[in-house]
Amino acid sequence: MAEFNTNPKSYEFNHTMIRVKDPKVSLEFYQEVLGMKLLSSLDNEAGKFTLYFLAYVKPEDLAEFEAKSDYQRRSYAFSRPGVLELTHYANGNKEPGRGFGHTAIIVDDLEEACKRFESFGDKVKWIKRLTDGSMKNIAFIADPDGYWVEVLKRGF
């Protein structure tokens, strides 16, 4: 196998994305009932969807976390494991029953990781390459059962 400037041993599970119908109700549930903290939210530039990233923040880290800027909070969400991404589409969920969206991994070098995945040939099915679409900072591959795996650089 070819050598790549990326080490799969440094890859880390980052988040799971699920689609939600009512973000207010979902955020209340995950924050109040389950005790998660809203790390960051992000509106799509075209207004098509909003992303909410939640995770558990240790009580001793809470004051430091709350002092962070929006940019630092977003970077924190993309540099740690165990994040839940809630996605709300402006026009609702078009496909009821398809709440699960994808899992995501963070890698040390996104371009090199994608080159490595390319080297596996037909074993890796591409959903979105780095060069596809307007979002050049993420890629999607599919596992053998068709589940999507988002690949992004640690800290974005």
N, C-alpha and C. Protein backbone atom coordinates (compact mmCIF):
# COMPACT_ATOMS: atom_id res chain seq x y z
N MET A 1 0.84 -1.19 0.00
CA MET A 1 0.00 0.00 0.00
C MET A 1 0.88 1.25 0.00
N ALA A 2 0.43 2.27 -0.67
CA ALA A 2 1.19 3.51 -0.78
C ALA A 2 1.30 4.22 0.57
N GLU A 3 2.30 5.04 0.70
CA GLU A 3 2.50 5.84 1.91
C GLU A 3 1.71 7.15 1.79
N PHE A 4 1.10 7.57 2.87
CA PHE A 4 0.34 8.80 2.88
C PHE A 4 0.76 9.63 4.07
N ASN A 5 0.64 10.93 3.95
CA ASN A 5 0.99 11.84 5.03
C ASN A 5 -0.19 12.02 5.97
N THR A 6 -0.75 10.91 6.39
CA THR A 6 -1.87 10.91 7.34
C THR A 6 -1.81 9.61 8.11
N ASN A 7 -2.19 9.63 9.36
CA ASN A 7 -2.10 8.45 10.20
C ASN A 7 -3.49 8.06 10.70
N PRO A 8 -4.06 6.96 10.20
CA PRO A 8 -5.40 6.56 10.65
C PRO A 8 -5.48 6.34 12.16
N LYS A 9 -4.36 6.10 12.81
CA LYS A 9 -4.38 5.95 14.27
C LYS A 9 -4.75 7.25 14.97
N SER A 10 -4.61 8.38 14.25
CA SER A 10 -4.97 9.67 14.84
C SER A 10 -6.42 10.05 14.53
N TYR A 11 -7.11 9.30 13.66
CA TYR A 11 -8.50 9.60 13.35
C TYR A 11 -9.34 9.37 14.59
N GLU A 12 -10.40 10.15 14.72
CA GLU A 12 -11.21 10.07 15.92
C GLU A 12 -12.69 10.25 15.55
N PHE A 13 -13.54 9.46 16.19
CA PHE A 13 -14.98 9.63 16.00
C PHE A 13 -15.37 10.99 16.56
N ASN A 14 -16.10 11.79 15.77
CA ASN A 14 -16.46 13.13 16.19
C ASN A 14 -17.94 13.26 16.52
N HIS A 15 -18.83 12.97 15.54
CA HIS A 15 -20.25 13.19 15.82
C HIS A 15 -21.16 12.27 15.02
N THR A 16 -22.40 12.24 15.47
CA THR A 16 -23.50 11.60 14.76
C THR A 16 -24.53 12.68 14.49
N MET A 17 -25.08 12.68 13.27
CA MET A 17 -26.08 13.67 12.90
C MET A 17 -27.44 13.01 12.77
N ILE A 18 -28.44 13.65 13.39
CA ILE A 18 -29.82 13.22 13.20
C ILE A 18 -30.65 14.43 12.80
N ARG A 19 -31.70 14.17 12.03
CA ARG A 19 -32.60 15.24 11.59
C ARG A 19 -33.70 15.43 12.64
N VAL A 20 -34.06 16.68 12.88
CA VAL A 20 -35.10 16.97 13.86
C VAL A 20 -36.21 17.79 13.21
N LYS A 21 -37.43 17.61 13.71
CA LYS A 21 -38.58 18.32 13.17
C LYS A 21 -38.74 19.71 13.78
N ASP A 22 -38.50 19.81 15.10
CA ASP A 22 -38.69 21.07 15.81
C ASP A 22 -37.46 21.31 16.69
N PRO A 23 -36.55 22.19 16.26
CA PRO A 23 -35.31 22.37 17.01
C PRO A 23 -35.54 22.86 18.44
N LYS A 24 -36.54 23.68 18.66
CA LYS A 24 -36.80 24.18 20.01
C LYS A 24 -37.11 23.01 20.96
N VAL A 25 -37.98 22.13 20.53
CA VAL A 25 -38.35 20.97 21.35
C VAL A 25 -37.16 20.03 21.52
N SER A 26 -36.42 19.79 20.45
CA SER A 26 -35.27 18.88 20.51
C SER A 26 -34.16 19.44 21.40
N LEU A 27 -33.87 20.73 21.24
CA LEU A 27 -32.83 21.35 22.07
C LEU A 27 -33.20 21.31 23.55
N GLU A 28 -34.46 21.57 23.83
CA GLU A 28 -34.93 21.49 25.22
C GLU A 28 -34.73 20.09 25.77
N PHE A 29 -35.06 19.07 24.99
CA PHE A 29 -34.91 17.68 25.44
C PHE A 29 -33.44 17.35 25.71
N TYR A 30 -32.58 17.61 24.74
CA TYR A 30 -31.18 17.22 24.89
C TYR A 30 -30.46 18.03 25.96
N GLN A 31 -30.87 19.31 26.15
CA GLN A 31 -30.22 20.13 27.17
C GLN A 31 -30.82 19.91 28.56
N GLU A 32 -32.13 19.99 28.66
CA GLU A 32 -32.76 19.92 29.98
C GLU A 32 -32.91 18.49 30.49
N VAL A 33 -33.35 17.60 29.63
CA VAL A 33 -33.59 16.22 30.06
C VAL A 33 -32.29 15.43 30.13
N LEU A 34 -31.47 15.51 29.07
CA LEU A 34 -30.24 14.72 29.02
C LEU A 34 -29.02 15.45 29.57
N GLY A 35 -29.12 16.75 29.78
CA GLY A 35 -28.03 17.50 30.39
C GLY A 35 -26.87 17.85 29.47
N MET A 36 -27.10 17.83 28.16
CA MET A 36 -26.04 18.20 27.22
C MET A 36 -25.94 19.72 27.13
N LYS A 37 -24.82 20.19 26.61
CA LYS A 37 -24.58 21.62 26.44
C LYS A 37 -24.55 21.94 24.95
N LEU A 38 -25.21 23.02 24.54
CA LEU A 38 -25.14 23.47 23.16
C LEU A 38 -23.77 24.08 22.94
N LEU A 39 -22.96 23.44 22.10
CA LEU A 39 -21.60 23.91 21.83
C LEU A 39 -21.61 25.03 20.80
N SER A 40 -22.41 24.85 19.75
CA SER A 40 -22.40 25.80 18.65
C SER A 40 -23.62 25.55 17.77
N SER A 41 -24.04 26.58 17.06
CA SER A 41 -25.06 26.40 16.04
C SER A 41 -24.58 27.12 14.79
N LEU A 42 -25.09 26.68 13.67
CA LEU A 42 -24.62 27.21 12.39
C LEU A 42 -25.77 27.22 11.40
N ASP A 43 -26.07 28.39 10.86
CA ASP A 43 -27.10 28.51 9.83
C ASP A 43 -26.46 28.37 8.46
N ASN A 44 -27.07 27.59 7.60
CA ASN A 44 -26.63 27.46 6.21
C ASN A 44 -26.81 28.82 5.54
N GLU A 45 -25.82 29.23 4.75
CA GLU A 45 -25.86 30.54 4.10
C GLU A 45 -27.10 30.75 3.24
N ALA A 46 -27.57 29.69 2.61
CA ALA A 46 -28.75 29.79 1.76
C ALA A 46 -30.04 29.66 2.57
N GLY A 47 -29.93 29.49 3.87
CA GLY A 47 -31.11 29.39 4.72
C GLY A 47 -31.85 28.08 4.62
N LYS A 48 -31.18 27.05 4.11
CA LYS A 48 -31.86 25.77 3.90
C LYS A 48 -31.90 24.91 5.16
N PHE A 49 -30.91 25.07 6.05
CA PHE A 49 -30.89 24.26 7.26
C PHE A 49 -30.08 24.94 8.34
N THR A 50 -30.29 24.49 9.57
CA THR A 50 -29.53 24.96 10.73
C THR A 50 -28.98 23.74 11.44
N LEU A 51 -27.72 23.84 11.86
CA LEU A 51 -27.05 22.76 12.57
C LEU A 51 -26.85 23.17 14.02
N TYR A 52 -27.08 22.23 14.93
CA TYR A 52 -26.87 22.44 16.36
C TYR A 52 -25.95 21.34 16.85
N PHE A 53 -24.84 21.71 17.50
CA PHE A 53 -23.87 20.74 17.99
C PHE A 53 -23.92 20.73 19.51
N LEU A 54 -24.18 19.54 20.07
CA LEU A 54 -24.29 19.39 21.52
C LEU A 54 -23.33 18.31 22.01
N ALA A 55 -22.93 18.43 23.27
CA ALA A 55 -22.08 17.41 23.89
C ALA A 55 -22.12 17.64 25.40
N TYR A 56 -21.51 16.73 26.11
CA TYR A 56 -21.36 16.89 27.55
C TYR A 56 -20.09 17.67 27.83
N VAL A 57 -20.21 18.69 28.66
CA VAL A 57 -19.06 19.49 29.09
C VAL A 57 -18.94 19.29 30.59
N LYS A 58 -17.76 18.89 31.02
CA LYS A 58 -17.53 18.65 32.44
C LYS A 58 -17.76 19.94 33.23
N PRO A 59 -18.37 19.84 34.41
CA PRO A 59 -18.65 21.05 35.20
C PRO A 59 -17.41 21.92 35.44
N GLU A 60 -16.25 21.28 35.65
CA GLU A 60 -15.03 22.06 35.90
C GLU A 60 -14.53 22.78 34.64
N ASP A 61 -15.03 22.40 33.47
CA ASP A 61 -14.64 23.05 32.22
C ASP A 61 -15.68 24.05 31.72
N LEU A 62 -16.82 24.13 32.40
CA LEU A 62 -17.94 24.94 31.93
C LEU A 62 -17.62 26.43 31.85
N ALA A 63 -17.00 26.99 32.88
CA ALA A 63 -16.70 28.43 32.87
C ALA A 63 -15.77 28.79 31.71
N GLU A 64 -14.75 27.97 31.50
CA GLU A 64 -13.82 28.22 30.39
C GLU A 64 -14.54 28.10 29.05
N PHE A 65 -15.41 27.10 28.91
CA PHE A 65 -16.15 26.91 27.67
C PHE A 65 -17.05 28.11 27.39
N GLU A 66 -17.78 28.57 28.39
CA GLU A 66 -18.72 29.67 28.20
C GLU A 66 -18.03 30.98 27.86
N ALA A 67 -16.74 31.12 28.17
CA ALA A 67 -15.99 32.33 27.86
C ALA A 67 -15.48 32.34 26.42
N LYS A 68 -15.63 31.23 25.71
CA LYS A 68 -15.11 31.13 24.34
C LYS A 68 -15.99 31.91 23.36
N SER A 69 -15.37 32.37 22.28
CA SER A 69 -16.11 33.04 21.20
C SER A 69 -16.88 31.98 20.40
N ASP A 70 -17.78 32.44 19.53
CA ASP A 70 -18.52 31.51 18.68
C ASP A 70 -17.57 30.67 17.83
N TYR A 71 -16.55 31.32 17.26
CA TYR A 71 -15.58 30.60 16.43
C TYR A 71 -14.86 29.54 17.26
N GLN A 72 -14.45 29.87 18.48
CA GLN A 72 -13.75 28.90 19.34
C GLN A 72 -14.67 27.75 19.74
N ARG A 73 -15.93 28.05 19.97
CA ARG A 73 -16.89 26.99 20.32
C ARG A 73 -17.08 26.03 19.14
N ARG A 74 -17.15 26.58 17.93
CA ARG A 74 -17.32 25.74 16.75
C ARG A 74 -16.07 24.87 16.55
N SER A 75 -14.91 25.46 16.72
CA SER A 75 -13.66 24.69 16.60
C SER A 75 -13.61 23.59 17.66
N TYR A 76 -14.05 23.91 18.86
CA TYR A 76 -14.11 22.92 19.95
C TYR A 76 -15.03 21.76 19.57
N ALA A 77 -16.16 22.06 18.97
CA ALA A 77 -17.11 21.01 18.56
C ALA A 77 -16.48 20.07 17.53
N PHE A 78 -15.62 20.62 16.66
CA PHE A 78 -15.01 19.81 15.61
C PHE A 78 -13.64 19.27 15.98
N SER A 79 -13.32 19.32 17.27
CA SER A 79 -12.02 18.80 17.68
C SER A 79 -12.13 17.81 18.84
N ARG A 80 -13.33 17.41 19.16
CA ARG A 80 -13.53 16.50 20.28
C ARG A 80 -14.45 15.35 19.90
N PRO A 81 -14.40 14.27 20.64
CA PRO A 81 -15.31 13.14 20.36
C PRO A 81 -16.66 13.36 21.05
N GLY A 82 -17.64 12.54 20.67
CA GLY A 82 -18.91 12.48 21.38
C GLY A 82 -19.86 13.63 21.16
N VAL A 83 -19.92 14.18 19.96
CA VAL A 83 -20.79 15.31 19.66
C VAL A 83 -22.05 14.80 18.95
N LEU A 84 -23.16 15.41 19.27
CA LEU A 84 -24.43 15.13 18.60
C LEU A 84 -24.77 16.34 17.74
N GLU A 85 -25.01 16.12 16.46
CA GLU A 85 -25.43 17.18 15.55
C GLU A 85 -26.91 17.02 15.25
N LEU A 86 -27.69 18.04 15.60
CA LEU A 86 -29.11 18.07 15.24
C LEU A 86 -29.23 18.95 14.01
N THR A 87 -29.89 18.45 12.98
CA THR A 87 -30.06 19.21 11.74
C THR A 87 -31.53 19.48 11.52
N HIS A 88 -31.88 20.75 11.36
CA HIS A 88 -33.25 21.14 11.09
C HIS A 88 -33.30 21.81 9.72
N TYR A 89 -34.12 21.26 8.84
CA TYR A 89 -34.29 21.83 7.51
C TYR A 89 -35.39 22.87 7.55
N ALA A 90 -35.19 23.99 6.87
CA ALA A 90 -36.15 25.09 6.87
C ALA A 90 -37.52 24.65 6.39
N ASN A 91 -37.55 23.71 5.46
CA ASN A 91 -38.83 23.23 4.93
C ASN A 91 -39.26 21.92 5.60
N GLY A 92 -38.68 21.61 6.75
CA GLY A 92 -39.05 20.39 7.46
C GLY A 92 -38.32 19.19 6.91
N ASN A 93 -38.58 18.04 7.48
CA ASN A 93 -37.98 16.80 7.01
C ASN A 93 -38.80 16.27 5.86
N LYS A 94 -38.22 16.25 4.67
CA LYS A 94 -38.93 15.79 3.49
C LYS A 94 -39.18 14.29 3.53
N GLU A 95 -38.28 13.57 4.20
CA GLU A 95 -38.38 12.12 4.22
C GLU A 95 -38.56 11.63 5.65
N PRO A 96 -39.80 11.60 6.14
CA PRO A 96 -40.03 11.13 7.50
C PRO A 96 -39.48 9.72 7.66
N GLY A 97 -38.96 9.43 8.84
CA GLY A 97 -38.39 8.11 9.10
C GLY A 97 -36.92 8.04 8.75
N ARG A 98 -36.38 9.10 8.15
CA ARG A 98 -34.97 9.13 7.82
C ARG A 98 -34.26 10.08 8.77
N GLY A 99 -34.47 9.88 10.05
CA GLY A 99 -33.88 10.78 11.04
C GLY A 99 -32.38 10.68 11.13
N PHE A 100 -31.83 9.46 10.92
CA PHE A 100 -30.38 9.30 10.99
C PHE A 100 -29.75 9.94 9.77
N GLY A 101 -28.68 10.67 9.97
CA GLY A 101 -28.01 11.32 8.86
C GLY A 101 -26.66 10.71 8.55
N HIS A 102 -25.71 10.81 9.48
CA HIS A 102 -24.37 10.29 9.23
C HIS A 102 -23.57 10.26 10.52
N THR A 103 -22.46 9.55 10.48
CA THR A 103 -21.45 9.66 11.52
C THR A 103 -20.31 10.49 10.93
N ALA A 104 -19.42 10.97 11.79
CA ALA A 104 -18.31 11.79 11.30
C ALA A 104 -17.04 11.43 12.03
N ILE A 105 -15.93 11.51 11.27
CA ILE A 105 -14.62 11.34 11.88
C ILE A 105 -13.80 12.60 11.62
N ILE A 106 -12.89 12.89 12.54
CA ILE A 106 -11.96 13.99 12.35
C ILE A 106 -10.60 13.40 12.07
N VAL A 107 -9.87 14.02 11.15
CA VAL A 107 -8.57 13.50 10.70
C VAL A 107 -7.50 14.58 10.83
N ASP A 108 -6.26 14.14 10.81
CA ASP A 108 -5.14 15.06 10.94
C ASP A 108 -4.90 15.89 9.69
N ASP A 109 -5.07 15.30 8.52
CA ASP A 109 -4.83 15.97 7.25
C ASP A 109 -5.92 15.52 6.28
N LEU A 110 -6.86 16.39 6.01
CA LEU A 110 -8.05 16.02 5.23
C LEU A 110 -7.69 15.60 3.80
N GLU A 111 -6.86 16.35 3.12
CA GLU A 111 -6.51 16.00 1.74
C GLU A 111 -5.78 14.66 1.67
N GLU A 112 -4.87 14.43 2.59
CA GLU A 112 -4.12 13.17 2.60
C GLU A 112 -5.03 12.00 2.96
N ALA A 113 -5.96 12.23 3.89
CA ALA A 113 -6.90 11.16 4.26
C ALA A 113 -7.74 10.78 3.04
N CYS A 114 -8.18 11.79 2.27
CA CYS A 114 -8.98 11.50 1.08
C CYS A 114 -8.16 10.75 0.03
N LYS A 115 -6.88 11.11 -0.12
CA LYS A 115 -6.01 10.37 -1.03
C LYS A 115 -5.88 8.92 -0.57
N ARG A 116 -5.77 8.73 0.72
CA ARG A 116 -5.68 7.37 1.27
C ARG A 116 -6.95 6.59 0.95
N PHE A 117 -8.12 7.21 1.16
CA PHE A 117 -9.38 6.53 0.85
C PHE A 117 -9.44 6.19 -0.65
N GLU A 118 -8.97 7.10 -1.49
CA GLU A 118 -8.93 6.85 -2.93
C GLU A 118 -8.13 5.58 -3.24
N SER A 119 -7.06 5.35 -2.49
CA SER A 119 -6.19 4.21 -2.77
C SER A 119 -6.88 2.87 -2.57
N PHE A 120 -8.02 2.86 -1.89
CA PHE A 120 -8.76 1.63 -1.67
C PHE A 120 -9.65 1.26 -2.85
N GLY A 121 -9.66 2.09 -3.86
CA GLY A 121 -10.43 1.80 -5.08
C GLY A 121 -11.90 1.60 -4.81
N ASP A 122 -12.44 0.46 -5.29
CA ASP A 122 -13.88 0.17 -5.17
C ASP A 122 -14.34 -0.12 -3.75
N LYS A 123 -13.42 -0.27 -2.82
CA LYS A 123 -13.82 -0.52 -1.42
C LYS A 123 -14.42 0.73 -0.79
N VAL A 124 -14.12 1.88 -1.37
CA VAL A 124 -14.63 3.15 -0.84
C VAL A 124 -15.55 3.77 -1.88
N LYS A 125 -16.82 3.96 -1.49
CA LYS A 125 -17.79 4.62 -2.35
C LYS A 125 -17.86 6.10 -1.92
N TRP A 126 -17.61 6.98 -2.86
CA TRP A 126 -17.64 8.41 -2.57
C TRP A 126 -19.05 8.96 -2.71
N ILE A 127 -19.49 9.69 -1.71
CA ILE A 127 -20.76 10.43 -1.76
C ILE A 127 -20.45 11.87 -2.18
N LYS A 128 -19.40 12.44 -1.59
CA LYS A 128 -18.97 13.81 -1.92
C LYS A 128 -17.46 13.91 -1.73
N ARG A 129 -16.78 14.23 -2.80
CA ARG A 129 -15.33 14.46 -2.73
C ARG A 129 -15.07 15.92 -2.33
N LEU A 130 -13.86 16.22 -1.92
CA LEU A 130 -13.51 17.59 -1.53
C LEU A 130 -13.77 18.58 -2.65
N THR A 131 -13.63 18.15 -3.87
CA THR A 131 -13.79 19.05 -5.02
C THR A 131 -15.25 19.22 -5.45
N ASP A 132 -16.16 18.45 -4.87
CA ASP A 132 -17.57 18.52 -5.25
C ASP A 132 -18.28 19.63 -4.47
N GLY A 133 -19.18 20.31 -5.13
CA GLY A 133 -20.04 21.28 -4.46
C GLY A 133 -19.28 22.49 -3.93
N SER A 134 -19.96 23.27 -3.10
CA SER A 134 -19.37 24.51 -2.60
C SER A 134 -18.62 24.31 -1.28
N MET A 135 -18.89 23.24 -0.57
CA MET A 135 -18.23 23.00 0.72
C MET A 135 -16.97 22.17 0.48
N LYS A 136 -15.84 22.86 0.38
CA LYS A 136 -14.57 22.21 0.04
C LYS A 136 -13.82 21.70 1.27
N ASN A 137 -14.43 21.83 2.45
CA ASN A 137 -13.75 21.43 3.68
C ASN A 137 -14.30 20.13 4.29
N ILE A 138 -15.16 19.44 3.56
CA ILE A 138 -15.68 18.16 4.04
C ILE A 138 -15.80 17.19 2.87
N ALA A 139 -15.72 15.92 3.22
CA ALA A 139 -15.95 14.86 2.23
C ALA A 139 -16.89 13.84 2.87
N PHE A 140 -17.56 13.07 2.03
CA PHE A 140 -18.42 12.00 2.52
C PHE A 140 -18.10 10.72 1.75
N ILE A 141 -17.95 9.63 2.50
CA ILE A 141 -17.83 8.31 1.90
C ILE A 141 -18.94 7.46 2.49
N ALA A 142 -19.18 6.30 1.91
CA ALA A 142 -20.23 5.41 2.42
C ALA A 142 -19.59 4.11 2.89
N ASP A 143 -20.15 3.56 3.96
CA ASP A 143 -19.67 2.26 4.43
C ASP A 143 -20.32 1.18 3.55
N PRO A 144 -19.97 -0.08 3.75
CA PRO A 144 -20.51 -1.13 2.87
C PRO A 144 -22.03 -1.24 2.86
N ASP A 145 -22.70 -0.73 3.92
CA ASP A 145 -24.16 -0.78 3.98
C ASP A 145 -24.80 0.51 3.50
N GLY A 146 -24.00 1.44 3.03
CA GLY A 146 -24.53 2.69 2.50
C GLY A 146 -24.66 3.81 3.51
N TYR A 147 -24.24 3.59 4.77
CA TYR A 147 -24.28 4.66 5.76
C TYR A 147 -23.19 5.68 5.45
N TRP A 148 -23.54 6.95 5.54
CA TRP A 148 -22.60 8.01 5.21
C TRP A 148 -21.64 8.26 6.37
N VAL A 149 -20.39 8.52 6.02
CA VAL A 149 -19.36 8.90 6.98
C VAL A 149 -18.77 10.23 6.50
N GLU A 150 -18.94 11.27 7.31
CA GLU A 150 -18.37 12.57 6.99
C GLU A 150 -16.91 12.57 7.44
N VAL A 151 -16.06 13.16 6.64
CA VAL A 151 -14.64 13.24 6.96
C VAL A 151 -14.27 14.72 6.99
N LEU A 152 -13.74 15.19 8.13
CA LEU A 152 -13.37 16.58 8.25
C LEU A 152 -12.10 16.73 9.05
N LYS A 153 -11.42 17.87 8.87
CA LYS A 153 -10.17 18.14 9.57
C LYS A 153 -10.47 18.51 11.01
N ARG A 154 -9.66 17.97 11.90
CA ARG A 154 -9.78 18.29 13.33
C ARG A 154 -9.78 19.80 13.54
N GLY A 155 -10.76 20.30 14.28
CA GLY A 155 -10.85 21.73 14.54
C GLY A 155 -11.42 22.52 13.38
N PHE A 156 -11.73 21.85 12.28
CA PHE A 156 -12.24 22.33 10.99
C PHE A 156 -11.26 23.23 10.36
